[in-house]
Amino acid sequence: MPRETKTFDMHTTREARTRIGKPESERLEWADTDVKGLCIRFRAASAAWSLRGRLGQHQSIWTIGPVDKVSVSQARERAGEAKKLLKRGIDPKAYLLEALVGKIERTFDPE
């Protein structure tokens, strides 16, 4: 999968939306220079914020949300919280899903 490194800003989501559906963008990934692991992954008809990280010995990718519904600042905030969970050995999937549907009113802590 081709991977480009970019500094994400308020124009990033607009640029990402214009690249959706273009053959050269299919299966492309943009990685953020500021938040390690945060990226935008492109597919044939969509683009989504994702987080790359390790849970135990396994490298995984978690979806944060679509670029047209999640802002850069929200994606960075959610990635930061998810990384805190990963450091504690907790899978951030439930937190990210709750954040996407708008049920998070506090910092997620399953304990």
Protein backbone atom coordinates (compact mmCIF):
# COMPACT_ATOMS: atom_id res chain seq x y z
CA MET A 1 0.00 0.00 0.00
CA PRO A 2 1.50 3.36 -0.98
CA ARG A 3 2.08 5.61 2.04
CA GLU A 4 2.68 9.36 2.11
CA THR A 5 3.62 11.44 5.15
CA LYS A 6 1.82 14.77 5.64
CA THR A 7 1.21 17.35 8.33
CA PHE A 8 -2.54 17.17 8.83
CA ASP A 9 -4.36 20.50 9.05
CA MET A 10 -7.83 21.87 8.37
CA HIS A 11 -7.30 21.51 4.62
CA THR A 12 -6.41 17.83 4.84
CA THR A 13 -10.00 16.58 5.03
CA ARG A 14 -11.02 18.73 2.06
CA GLU A 15 -8.09 17.39 0.04
CA ALA A 16 -8.92 13.84 1.12
CA ARG A 17 -12.55 14.22 0.00
CA THR A 18 -11.41 15.33 -3.46
CA ARG A 19 -9.18 12.23 -3.77
CA ILE A 20 -11.95 9.71 -2.99
CA GLY A 21 -12.81 7.58 -5.98
CA LYS A 22 -9.73 8.44 -8.01
CA PRO A 23 -7.78 5.39 -9.20
CA GLU A 24 -4.42 6.79 -8.01
CA SER A 25 -5.82 7.18 -4.47
CA GLU A 26 -7.27 3.71 -4.14
CA ARG A 27 -5.49 1.84 -1.32
CA LEU A 28 -3.38 4.93 -0.52
CA GLU A 29 -2.50 5.90 3.04
CA TRP A 30 -1.51 9.30 4.43
CA ALA A 31 0.37 9.31 7.74
CA ASP A 32 0.34 12.29 10.13
CA THR A 33 3.70 13.80 11.06
CA ASP A 34 2.40 15.08 14.43
CA VAL A 35 0.57 12.07 15.91
CA LYS A 36 2.41 8.80 15.46
CA GLY A 37 0.10 6.10 14.10
CA LEU A 38 -2.68 8.46 12.92
CA CYS A 39 -3.44 8.08 9.23
CA ILE A 40 -6.07 8.46 6.54
CA ARG A 41 -6.71 5.28 4.57
CA PHE A 42 -8.31 5.52 1.13
CA ARG A 43 -10.49 2.88 -0.48
CA ALA A 44 -12.35 2.88 -3.79
CA ALA A 45 -15.28 4.96 -2.54
CA SER A 46 -14.24 6.24 0.89
CA ALA A 47 -11.54 7.62 3.14
CA ALA A 48 -11.32 7.07 6.89
CA TRP A 49 -9.17 8.16 9.82
CA SER A 50 -7.32 5.19 11.27
CA LEU A 51 -4.82 4.46 14.00
CA ARG A 52 -1.94 2.04 13.63
CA GLY A 53 -0.63 0.57 16.83
CA ARG A 54 0.44 -2.48 18.78
CA LEU A 55 -1.70 -4.43 21.18
CA GLY A 56 0.59 -6.97 22.78
CA GLN A 57 2.73 -8.48 20.06
CA HIS A 58 0.30 -7.73 17.23
CA GLN A 59 0.31 -4.71 14.94
CA SER A 60 -3.28 -3.61 14.27
CA ILE A 61 -5.27 -0.85 12.61
CA TRP A 62 -8.37 0.69 14.23
CA THR A 63 -10.86 2.89 12.40
CA ILE A 64 -11.51 6.28 14.01
CA GLY A 65 -14.17 7.45 11.55
CA PRO A 66 -14.82 8.76 8.05
CA VAL A 67 -13.00 11.93 7.02
CA ASP A 68 -16.27 13.68 6.20
CA LYS A 69 -17.64 13.13 9.75
CA VAL A 70 -14.51 13.48 11.94
CA SER A 71 -12.36 16.63 11.98
CA VAL A 72 -8.58 16.65 12.25
CA SER A 73 -8.72 17.80 15.88
CA GLN A 74 -11.27 15.09 16.78
CA ALA A 75 -9.17 12.44 15.05
CA ARG A 76 -6.05 13.54 16.94
CA GLU A 77 -7.91 13.61 20.26
CA ARG A 78 -9.40 10.16 19.72
CA ALA A 79 -6.05 8.77 18.57
CA GLY A 80 -4.41 10.16 21.72
CA GLU A 81 -7.01 8.54 23.98
CA ALA A 82 -6.76 5.26 22.06
CA LYS A 83 -2.97 5.28 22.41
CA LYS A 84 -3.33 5.70 26.19
CA LEU A 85 -5.54 2.60 26.23
CA LEU A 86 -3.03 0.67 24.12
CA LYS A 87 -0.24 1.53 26.57
CA ARG A 88 -2.36 -0.05 29.31
CA GLY A 89 -2.94 -3.16 27.16
CA ILE A 90 -6.59 -2.33 26.43
CA ASP A 91 -8.10 -2.70 22.95
CA PRO A 92 -9.40 0.79 21.96
CA LYS A 93 -12.08 -0.57 19.61
CA ALA A 94 -14.98 0.02 22.06
CA TYR A 95 -13.80 3.57 22.87
CA LEU A 96 -13.44 4.49 19.18
CA LEU A 97 -16.88 3.08 18.35
CA GLU A 98 -18.52 4.99 21.21
CA ALA A 99 -16.71 8.18 20.19
CA LEU A 100 -17.92 7.78 16.60
CA VAL A 101 -21.58 7.42 17.57
CA GLY A 102 -21.33 10.29 20.05
CA LYS A 103 -21.76 8.49 23.35
CA ILE A 104 -18.48 9.67 24.88
CA GLU A 105 -18.94 12.37 27.49
CA ARG A 106 -15.80 11.59 29.48
CA THR A 107 -12.42 9.97 28.98
CA PHE A 108 -13.09 6.30 28.34
CA ASP A 109 -11.88 4.05 31.13
CA PRO A 110 -13.34 0.55 31.30
CA GLU A 111 -12.19 0.03 34.91
